[in-house]
Amino acid sequence: MLITISGPPGCGKSTNAAALADELDYEHVSGGDIFRALADERGLSLAEFNELAESDDQIDRDLDAQLRETARTHDDLVLESRLSGWMAGEYADLKIWLDAPLDVRAERIAEREDKPVADALAETEEREASETARYREYYGIDFDDRSIYDLAVNTARWGEAATLDILRAAVEGYDPGADEGPTPVENVTYEF
């Protein structure tokens, strides 16, 4: 089974993807980890590398191609990145979108990266605007369109354990024999 977990920075993608992979004894591949490693290799901060990606579309395209290839060639995998639901395409069995309000995400990022919340908020807004514009230009992706996802969860509403319970229930309830699955209107959404 291939599960994708997507969402904006600070929504809990990495935390939840790693925990779910661990519970299922699946491999976990993180697009964010790959992107951060590429930035580190070049001696750039995440913000600097993101800025470079704005002028060098090959950075995004290489990462996205790696995500597609990983989705195509792996089973028993939790694939996590902002675009994993889109990049995995027809290879994904279950596509999950995680989100949280911007202020909550900025606080999480600030804590994780040991920086002021105001800095994390400004960097997150800038990063999201940049990535949204690039992926719309490259692939025609509208990040406000949740119709490709089977489940959307606002992670600010539950603690880590409760969010993991929701994800586990979705995996356990997955029916691989179902034809095309629910139409977008019928998708289960946990956004309040």
Protein backbone atom coordinates (compact mmCIF):
# COMPACT_ATOMS: atom_id res chain seq x y z
CA MET A 1 0.00 0.00 0.00
CA LEU A 2 1.23 3.51 -0.85
CA ILE A 3 0.01 6.30 1.44
CA THR A 4 0.75 9.94 0.71
CA ILE A 5 0.70 12.65 3.35
CA SER A 6 0.67 16.22 2.05
CA GLY A 7 0.16 19.65 3.52
CA PRO A 8 1.80 23.03 4.15
CA PRO A 9 4.91 23.62 6.27
CA GLY A 10 4.36 23.04 9.99
CA CYS A 11 1.14 21.06 9.64
CA GLY A 12 2.66 17.90 11.13
CA LYS A 13 3.41 16.00 7.90
CA SER A 14 6.76 14.64 9.01
CA THR A 15 5.71 13.80 12.55
CA ASN A 16 2.57 11.98 11.46
CA ALA A 17 4.10 10.31 8.41
CA ALA A 18 6.98 8.91 10.48
CA ALA A 19 4.63 7.72 13.24
CA LEU A 20 2.23 6.10 10.80
CA ALA A 21 5.06 4.41 8.90
CA ASP A 22 6.45 3.11 12.18
CA GLU A 23 3.07 1.72 13.26
CA LEU A 24 2.54 0.02 9.90
CA ASP A 25 6.17 -1.10 9.58
CA TYR A 26 6.32 0.78 6.26
CA GLU A 27 9.17 2.74 4.75
CA HIS A 28 8.93 6.54 5.16
CA VAL A 29 10.26 8.90 2.50
CA SER A 30 10.14 12.66 3.17
CA GLY A 31 10.36 15.19 0.35
CA GLY A 32 11.11 17.88 2.94
CA ASP A 33 14.10 15.91 4.22
CA ILE A 34 15.37 15.54 0.66
CA PHE A 35 14.91 19.29 0.03
CA ARG A 36 16.66 20.21 3.31
CA ALA A 37 19.53 17.83 2.54
CA LEU A 38 19.97 19.44 -0.89
CA ALA A 39 20.05 22.88 0.77
CA ASP A 40 22.63 21.67 3.32
CA GLU A 41 24.78 20.19 0.54
CA ARG A 42 24.96 23.64 -1.02
CA GLY A 43 25.53 25.37 2.31
CA LEU A 44 22.24 27.28 2.04
CA SER A 45 19.46 27.90 4.51
CA LEU A 46 16.03 26.57 3.60
CA ALA A 47 14.89 30.12 2.74
CA GLU A 48 17.97 30.69 0.55
CA PHE A 49 17.54 27.34 -1.21
CA ASN A 50 13.85 28.05 -1.75
CA GLU A 51 14.83 31.40 -3.29
CA LEU A 52 17.31 29.62 -5.57
CA ALA A 53 14.56 27.20 -6.61
CA GLU A 54 12.51 30.21 -7.76
CA SER A 55 15.11 30.92 -10.45
CA ASP A 56 16.21 27.33 -11.10
CA ASP A 57 13.16 25.20 -11.82
CA GLN A 58 15.34 22.11 -12.17
CA ILE A 59 15.62 21.90 -8.36
CA ASP A 60 11.87 21.39 -7.96
CA ARG A 61 11.56 19.23 -11.05
CA ASP A 62 14.34 16.88 -9.89
CA LEU A 63 12.79 16.52 -6.45
CA ASP A 64 9.34 15.94 -7.95
CA ALA A 65 10.69 13.36 -10.39
CA GLN A 66 12.33 11.56 -7.47
CA LEU A 67 8.98 11.54 -5.61
CA ARG A 68 7.17 10.14 -8.69
CA GLU A 69 9.80 7.45 -9.17
CA THR A 70 9.65 6.51 -5.48
CA ALA A 71 5.85 6.23 -5.70
CA ARG A 72 6.09 4.11 -8.85
CA THR A 73 8.65 1.66 -7.48
CA HIS A 74 7.76 1.20 -3.80
CA ASP A 75 5.12 -0.68 -1.86
CA ASP A 76 4.40 -0.42 1.85
CA LEU A 77 5.44 3.22 1.84
CA VAL A 78 4.36 6.47 3.46
CA LEU A 79 5.44 9.20 1.04
CA GLU A 80 5.38 12.66 2.58
CA SER A 81 5.80 16.05 0.95
CA ARG A 82 3.76 19.07 0.08
CA LEU A 83 3.19 17.57 -3.39
CA SER A 84 3.20 13.84 -2.64
CA GLY A 85 -0.52 13.44 -3.31
CA TRP A 86 -0.10 15.05 -6.70
CA MET A 87 3.26 13.46 -7.58
CA ALA A 88 2.25 9.91 -6.60
CA GLY A 89 -0.79 10.17 -8.83
CA GLU A 90 -2.31 6.84 -9.76
CA TYR A 91 0.24 4.92 -7.68
CA ALA A 92 -1.18 6.16 -4.37
CA ASP A 93 -3.75 4.03 -2.59
CA LEU A 94 -4.64 6.59 0.08
CA LYS A 95 -4.00 10.35 -0.16
CA ILE A 96 -4.08 12.37 3.06
CA TRP A 97 -3.97 16.18 3.47
CA LEU A 98 -2.90 17.62 6.82
CA ASP A 99 -3.29 21.27 7.73
CA ALA A 100 -3.43 23.70 10.64
CA PRO A 101 -3.95 27.47 10.92
CA LEU A 102 -0.95 29.55 9.88
CA ASP A 103 -0.27 30.88 13.39
CA VAL A 104 -0.19 27.34 14.81
CA ARG A 105 2.13 26.18 12.05
CA ALA A 106 4.44 29.17 12.57
CA GLU A 107 4.68 28.37 16.30
CA ARG A 108 5.55 24.75 15.52
CA ILE A 109 8.22 25.79 13.01
CA ALA A 110 9.66 28.36 15.42
CA GLU A 111 9.97 25.72 18.13
CA ARG A 112 11.45 23.13 15.76
CA GLU A 113 13.99 25.56 14.29
CA ASP A 114 14.62 27.51 17.52
CA LYS A 115 13.73 30.91 16.11
CA PRO A 116 11.29 33.70 16.94
CA VAL A 117 7.68 33.03 15.96
CA ALA A 118 7.55 36.28 13.97
CA ASP A 119 10.50 35.11 11.85
CA ALA A 120 8.96 31.69 11.30
CA LEU A 121 5.66 33.29 10.32
CA ALA A 122 7.26 35.63 7.78
CA GLU A 123 9.44 32.87 6.30
CA THR A 124 6.49 30.47 6.10
CA GLU A 125 4.29 33.00 4.32
CA GLU A 126 7.08 33.78 1.87
CA ARG A 127 7.86 30.10 1.28
CA GLU A 128 4.21 29.18 0.74
CA ALA A 129 3.66 32.03 -1.73
CA SER A 130 6.78 31.04 -3.65
CA GLU A 131 5.96 27.34 -3.77
CA THR A 132 2.30 27.92 -4.64
CA ALA A 133 3.28 30.13 -7.59
CA ARG A 134 5.97 27.73 -8.81
CA TYR A 135 3.80 24.62 -8.69
CA ARG A 136 0.91 26.40 -10.37
CA GLU A 137 3.29 27.46 -13.14
CA TYR A 138 5.03 24.06 -13.49
CA TYR A 139 2.09 21.69 -13.11
CA GLY A 140 -1.13 23.73 -12.93
CA ILE A 141 -1.66 22.63 -9.32
CA ASP A 142 -4.14 24.60 -7.21
CA PHE A 143 -3.27 23.96 -3.54
CA ASP A 144 -6.74 25.05 -2.48
CA ASP A 145 -8.20 22.10 -4.43
CA ARG A 146 -8.52 19.21 -1.98
CA SER A 147 -10.52 16.99 -4.36
CA ILE A 148 -7.61 14.59 -4.94
CA TYR A 149 -7.40 13.71 -1.23
CA ASP A 150 -9.27 10.92 0.50
CA LEU A 151 -8.92 12.50 3.94
CA ALA A 152 -8.16 16.00 5.25
CA VAL A 153 -7.30 16.60 8.89
CA ASN A 154 -6.82 19.88 10.77
CA THR A 155 -4.00 18.81 13.09
CA ALA A 156 -4.54 21.78 15.40
CA ARG A 157 -7.77 20.15 16.61
CA TRP A 158 -6.18 17.01 18.05
CA GLY A 159 -2.94 16.08 19.74
CA GLU A 160 -0.38 13.88 18.03
CA ALA A 161 -1.86 10.65 19.39
CA ALA A 162 -5.42 11.52 18.32
CA THR A 163 -4.29 12.58 14.85
CA LEU A 164 -2.41 9.31 14.49
CA ASP A 165 -5.57 7.45 15.58
CA ILE A 166 -7.51 9.18 12.77
CA LEU A 167 -4.84 8.25 10.21
CA ARG A 168 -4.66 4.67 11.46
CA ALA A 169 -8.47 4.37 11.23
CA ALA A 170 -8.33 5.61 7.63
CA VAL A 171 -5.71 3.01 6.74
CA GLU A 172 -7.58 0.22 8.52
CA GLY A 173 -10.81 1.19 6.79
CA TYR A 174 -9.22 1.39 3.35
CA ASP A 175 -10.97 -0.85 0.82
CA PRO A 176 -8.57 -1.80 -1.98
CA GLY A 177 -11.43 -3.48 -3.84
CA ALA A 178 -13.40 -0.26 -4.22
CA ASP A 179 -13.55 0.99 -7.80
CA GLU A 180 -12.51 4.61 -7.99
CA GLY A 181 -13.34 5.48 -4.40
CA PRO A 182 -15.51 8.36 -3.35
CA THR A 183 -16.17 11.39 -5.48
CA PRO A 184 -14.62 14.58 -4.11
CA VAL A 185 -17.94 15.59 -2.53
CA GLU A 186 -18.01 12.33 -0.56
CA ASN A 187 -14.46 12.57 0.78
CA VAL A 188 -14.19 12.36 4.56
CA THR A 189 -12.92 15.68 5.86
CA TYR A 190 -11.97 16.48 9.43
CA GLU A 191 -11.74 20.25 9.07
CA PHE A 192 -13.69 22.41 11.51
